[in-house]
Amino acid sequence: AEYHPLKFVNGLAEVVTRKYGVKIFEMSHVLRKELSVNGKIKAQSGGTIKAKEAVILATFTPINRNRRRTSLSAKCK
């Protein structure tokens, strides 16, 4: 069997968006990495990302190796 990362990620994204109502925001640069109690995150564009349960950061850069890219993963209260 051959593993194709792009096909895997695209398939995963399709399932979670269609079946579970997950929303994926690409190129959403976050101004603050801490997640507020109400589940809102301020984006660099001025918009706000609001989460009911959790926020997951996926990046091509190893976390904390590049100071300009940092981790964000938190469970909303």
C-alpha atoms as a PDB file:
ATOM      1  CA  ALA A   1       0.000   0.000   0.000  1.00  0.00           C
ATOM      2  CA  GLU A   2       1.163   3.495  -0.795  1.00  0.00           C
ATOM      3  CA  TYR A   3       0.356   6.443   1.471  1.00  0.00           C
ATOM      4  CA  HIS A   4      -0.413   9.743  -0.245  1.00  0.00           C
ATOM      5  CA  PRO A   5      -0.451  12.556   2.388  1.00  0.00           C
ATOM      6  CA  LEU A   6      -2.365  15.092   0.280  1.00  0.00           C
ATOM      7  CA  LYS A   7      -5.114  12.615  -0.613  1.00  0.00           C
ATOM      8  CA  PHE A   8      -5.356  11.579   3.049  1.00  0.00           C
ATOM      9  CA  VAL A   9      -5.703  15.174   4.301  1.00  0.00           C
ATOM     10  CA  ASN A  10      -8.208  16.102   1.587  1.00  0.00           C
ATOM     11  CA  GLY A  11     -10.302  13.031   2.388  1.00  0.00           C
ATOM     12  CA  LEU A  12     -10.159  13.739   6.116  1.00  0.00           C
ATOM     13  CA  ALA A  13     -11.176  17.374   5.553  1.00  0.00           C
ATOM     14  CA  GLU A  14     -14.111  16.299   3.397  1.00  0.00           C
ATOM     15  CA  VAL A  15     -15.403  13.850   6.007  1.00  0.00           C
ATOM     16  CA  VAL A  16     -15.117  16.151   9.025  1.00  0.00           C
ATOM     17  CA  THR A  17     -16.676  19.125   7.233  1.00  0.00           C
ATOM     18  CA  ARG A  18     -19.567  17.174   5.754  1.00  0.00           C
ATOM     19  CA  LYS A  19     -20.317  14.718   8.568  1.00  0.00           C
ATOM     20  CA  TYR A  20     -19.396  16.702  11.689  1.00  0.00           C
ATOM     21  CA  GLY A  21     -19.849  20.326  10.616  1.00  0.00           C
ATOM     22  CA  VAL A  22     -16.201  21.211  11.216  1.00  0.00           C
ATOM     23  CA  LYS A  23     -15.048  24.462   9.620  1.00  0.00           C
ATOM     24  CA  ILE A  24     -11.521  24.785   8.284  1.00  0.00           C
ATOM     25  CA  PHE A  25      -9.899  28.222   8.051  1.00  0.00           C
ATOM     26  CA  GLU A  26      -6.806  28.343   5.874  1.00  0.00           C
ATOM     27  CA  MET A  27      -4.218  31.118   6.051  1.00  0.00           C
ATOM     28  CA  SER A  28      -5.774  32.439   9.285  1.00  0.00           C
ATOM     29  CA  HIS A  29      -2.915  34.114  11.085  1.00  0.00           C
ATOM     30  CA  VAL A  30      -3.701  34.368  14.791  1.00  0.00           C
ATOM     31  CA  LEU A  31      -2.768  37.496  16.742  1.00  0.00           C
ATOM     32  CA  ARG A  32      -3.017  35.917  20.181  1.00  0.00           C
ATOM     33  CA  LYS A  33      -2.360  32.275  20.831  1.00  0.00           C
ATOM     34  CA  GLU A  34      -4.383  32.028  24.018  1.00  0.00           C
ATOM     35  CA  LEU A  35      -7.965  30.912  23.665  1.00  0.00           C
ATOM     36  CA  SER A  36     -10.508  32.919  25.624  1.00  0.00           C
ATOM     37  CA  VAL A  37     -13.099  31.309  27.869  1.00  0.00           C
ATOM     38  CA  ASN A  38     -15.843  32.005  25.311  1.00  0.00           C
ATOM     39  CA  GLY A  39     -13.920  30.170  22.589  1.00  0.00           C
ATOM     40  CA  LYS A  40     -13.044  33.208  20.450  1.00  0.00           C
ATOM     41  CA  ILE A  41      -9.700  33.762  18.746  1.00  0.00           C
ATOM     42  CA  LYS A  42      -8.672  37.068  17.182  1.00  0.00           C
ATOM     43  CA  ALA A  43      -7.275  36.727  13.648  1.00  0.00           C
ATOM     44  CA  GLN A  44      -4.741  39.068  12.076  1.00  0.00           C
ATOM     45  CA  SER A  45      -7.282  40.086   9.424  1.00  0.00           C
ATOM     46  CA  GLY A  46      -9.466  41.592  12.143  1.00  0.00           C
ATOM     47  CA  GLY A  47     -11.983  38.763  12.081  1.00  0.00           C
ATOM     48  CA  THR A  48     -12.770  36.389  14.900  1.00  0.00           C
ATOM     49  CA  ILE A  49     -12.771  32.597  14.888  1.00  0.00           C
ATOM     50  CA  LYS A  50     -15.274  31.147  17.341  1.00  0.00           C
ATOM     51  CA  ALA A  51     -15.126  27.534  18.527  1.00  0.00           C
ATOM     52  CA  LYS A  52     -17.665  25.536  20.527  1.00  0.00           C
ATOM     53  CA  GLU A  53     -15.395  22.710  21.633  1.00  0.00           C
ATOM     54  CA  ALA A  54     -11.812  22.890  20.407  1.00  0.00           C
ATOM     55  CA  VAL A  55      -9.324  24.646  18.159  1.00  0.00           C
ATOM     56  CA  ILE A  56      -6.563  22.744  16.384  1.00  0.00           C
ATOM     57  CA  LEU A  57      -3.518  24.277  14.759  1.00  0.00           C
ATOM     58  CA  ALA A  58      -2.015  22.440  11.818  1.00  0.00           C
ATOM     59  CA  THR A  59       1.234  23.786  10.426  1.00  0.00           C
ATOM     60  CA  PHE A  60       3.991  22.747   8.069  1.00  0.00           C
ATOM     61  CA  THR A  61       6.570  24.067  10.545  1.00  0.00           C
ATOM     62  CA  PRO A  62       7.599  22.068  13.628  1.00  0.00           C
ATOM     63  CA  ILE A  63       6.004  23.738  16.627  1.00  0.00           C
ATOM     64  CA  ASN A  64       8.264  26.156  18.546  1.00  0.00           C
ATOM     65  CA  ARG A  65      11.134  25.731  16.071  1.00  0.00           C
ATOM     66  CA  ASN A  66      10.292  28.966  14.305  1.00  0.00           C
ATOM     67  CA  ARG A  67       9.459  31.797  16.708  1.00  0.00           C
ATOM     68  CA  ARG A  68       7.120  33.410  14.161  1.00  0.00           C
ATOM     69  CA  ARG A  69       4.925  30.322  14.049  1.00  0.00           C
ATOM     70  CA  THR A  70       3.659  29.082  17.361  1.00  0.00           C
ATOM     71  CA  SER A  71       1.261  26.452  18.616  1.00  0.00           C
ATOM     72  CA  LEU A  72      -2.399  26.913  19.342  1.00  0.00           C
ATOM     73  CA  SER A  73      -4.461  24.092  20.689  1.00  0.00           C
ATOM     74  CA  ALA A  74      -6.969  24.517  23.457  1.00  0.00           C
ATOM     75  CA  LYS A  75     -10.221  23.109  24.682  1.00  0.00           C
ATOM     76  CA  CYS A  76     -12.992  25.666  25.068  1.00  0.00           C
ATOM     77  CA  LYS A  77     -14.581  25.871  28.501  1.00  0.00           C
END
